[in-house]
Protein backbone atom coordinates (compact mmCIF):
# COMPACT_ATOMS: atom_id res chain seq x y z
CA MET A 1 48.40 54.51 -17.57
CA ASN A 2 47.90 55.60 -13.99
CA PHE A 3 46.89 52.47 -12.21
CA ASN A 4 46.43 52.08 -8.44
CA ARG A 5 47.87 55.43 -7.53
CA TYR A 6 45.62 55.59 -4.46
CA ALA A 7 45.62 53.43 -1.34
CA ASN A 8 41.83 53.02 -1.37
CA LEU A 9 38.59 54.08 -3.07
CA VAL A 10 37.87 56.84 -0.53
CA GLU A 11 41.25 58.46 -1.21
CA ALA A 12 40.54 58.35 -4.97
CA THR A 13 37.01 59.76 -4.72
CA ASN A 14 38.32 62.60 -2.54
CA ASP A 15 41.31 63.52 -4.73
CA LEU A 16 40.03 63.11 -8.30
CA PRO A 17 37.39 65.88 -8.02
CA LYS A 18 40.11 68.24 -6.72
CA ARG A 19 42.01 67.45 -9.91
CA GLY A 20 39.09 68.43 -12.15
CA TYR A 21 37.17 65.14 -12.36
CA SER A 22 34.16 66.69 -10.64
CA SER A 23 31.20 65.04 -12.37
CA THR A 24 29.82 61.58 -11.72
CA PHE A 25 28.28 59.27 -14.28
CA ARG A 26 25.87 56.35 -14.39
CA CYS A 27 25.30 53.80 -17.14
CA GLU A 28 21.78 53.90 -18.55
CA ASP A 29 20.42 52.30 -21.74
CA GLY A 30 23.88 51.77 -23.23
CA LYS A 31 25.03 55.35 -22.64
CA MET A 32 26.87 57.12 -19.87
CA VAL A 33 24.77 59.84 -18.21
CA CYS A 34 26.31 62.74 -16.27
CA ILE A 35 24.38 62.92 -13.00
CA GLN A 36 24.90 66.68 -12.65
CA THR A 37 23.86 67.74 -16.17
CA GLU A 38 21.88 64.71 -17.49
CA ASN A 39 24.00 64.89 -20.67
CA LYS A 40 24.33 61.50 -22.37
CA TYR A 41 27.53 60.13 -23.86
CA ALA A 42 28.29 57.24 -26.16
CA SER A 43 31.60 55.44 -25.65
CA LYS A 44 33.08 57.33 -28.63
CA ASP A 45 32.33 60.61 -26.79
CA MET A 46 34.63 59.93 -23.84
CA LYS A 47 38.09 58.64 -23.00
CA ILE A 48 39.55 57.02 -19.93
CA GLU A 49 42.46 59.09 -18.62
CA GLU A 50 43.05 57.09 -15.44
CA LEU A 51 41.78 53.95 -13.79
CA HIS A 52 42.40 52.54 -10.34
CA ARG A 53 41.45 49.13 -8.98
CA PHE A 54 40.98 48.20 -5.33
CA GLU A 55 40.54 44.81 -3.72
CA GLY A 56 38.70 44.26 -0.47
CA TYR A 57 40.98 42.84 2.21
CA SER A 58 38.36 40.82 4.05
CA ASN A 59 35.64 40.43 1.43
CA PRO A 60 36.23 39.68 -2.28
CA ALA A 61 32.88 41.35 -3.00
CA ASP A 62 34.51 44.68 -2.07
CA ASN A 63 36.49 44.81 -5.34
CA SER A 64 36.02 48.17 -7.05
CA ILE A 65 37.39 50.22 -9.90
CA ILE A 66 37.27 53.96 -10.46
CA TYR A 67 37.66 55.52 -13.90
CA ALA A 68 38.68 59.15 -14.43
CA VAL A 69 37.10 60.13 -17.76
CA ALA A 70 37.09 63.14 -20.07
CA CYS A 71 34.24 63.76 -22.52
CA ASN A 72 34.48 65.40 -25.92
CA ASP A 73 32.52 68.44 -24.66
CA GLY A 74 34.99 69.10 -21.82
CA GLU A 75 33.04 67.37 -19.05
CA LYS A 76 35.37 65.43 -16.72
CA GLY A 77 34.39 63.07 -13.97
CA ILE A 78 34.49 59.67 -12.34
CA ILE A 79 32.75 56.36 -12.79
CA VAL A 80 32.84 53.89 -9.90
CA SER A 81 32.03 50.23 -10.36
CA SER A 82 32.56 46.90 -8.72
CA TYR A 83 34.41 44.18 -10.60
CA GLY A 84 34.44 40.45 -10.36
CA ALA A 85 31.32 38.42 -9.57
CA ASP A 86 29.32 41.47 -8.44
CA ALA A 87 30.17 43.65 -11.45
CA ASP A 88 27.52 45.46 -13.49
CA SER A 89 27.93 43.72 -16.84
CA GLY A 90 26.34 46.60 -18.79
CA LEU A 91 28.79 49.11 -17.34
CA GLY A 92 31.69 46.73 -17.88
CA GLU A 93 30.77 46.18 -21.52
CA PHE A 94 30.39 49.94 -22.08
CA MET A 95 33.78 50.71 -20.52
CA LYS A 96 35.50 48.09 -22.70
CA THR A 97 34.55 50.22 -25.72
CA VAL A 98 35.90 53.50 -24.33
CA ASP A 99 39.37 54.48 -25.56
CA VAL A 100 42.11 54.64 -22.95
CA VAL A 101 44.14 57.81 -23.47
CA PRO A 102 46.29 58.63 -20.44
CA ASN A 103 46.51 62.31 -19.55
CA GLU A 104 50.26 62.95 -19.73
CA GLU A 105 50.01 65.58 -16.98
CA ASN A 106 48.98 62.81 -14.60
CA VAL A 107 51.79 60.39 -15.33
CA ASP A 108 54.19 61.49 -12.56
CA PHE A 109 52.14 61.12 -9.42
CA ALA A 110 54.63 59.96 -6.77
CA ASP A 111 54.89 63.33 -5.00
CA ARG A 112 51.13 63.84 -4.69
CA THR A 113 50.55 60.23 -3.65
CA GLN A 114 53.07 60.62 -0.83
CA SER A 115 51.41 63.86 0.32
CA LEU A 116 48.01 62.14 0.45
CA ARG A 117 49.21 59.36 2.71
CA LYS A 118 49.33 59.98 6.43
CA PRO A 119 52.70 59.47 8.14
CA ARG A 120 52.95 56.20 10.03
C-alpha cells in the first residue's frame, strides 16, 4: 500500500490528478458522490488504490488523509478528509467498508517522489 508518499497534502492534491485521479468526491447520505458528474457510489463500487496521511506540525487539528480511489465504472479520483477528533464520522465509516486494492503500477514511487521534492 502506498502510504505517505508525499511530503504534504498540497503535494498530493497536485500530483494525484496528474496520475489520473482527476475527480473529487463527497460523502452524502451513505454514498460517495462524484462532484464532477454527480454519479453516486456505494462502498462496493469503489476501491482504495492509495492513501496518504499527514499530521499538522503545529496544530493536531490539521491531521488529514487523502484517498486515491477507482470506481467500477472507470471513474478515478481523490477523497480528502481530516482524521482524529475533527474527523467526519460518516466519511470515516464509509471508507472503512471500501476495499483496499493497491494499484501495482504505483508501488515503486521513489523516483517520482524525489522529483517532486525541491532540492535543499
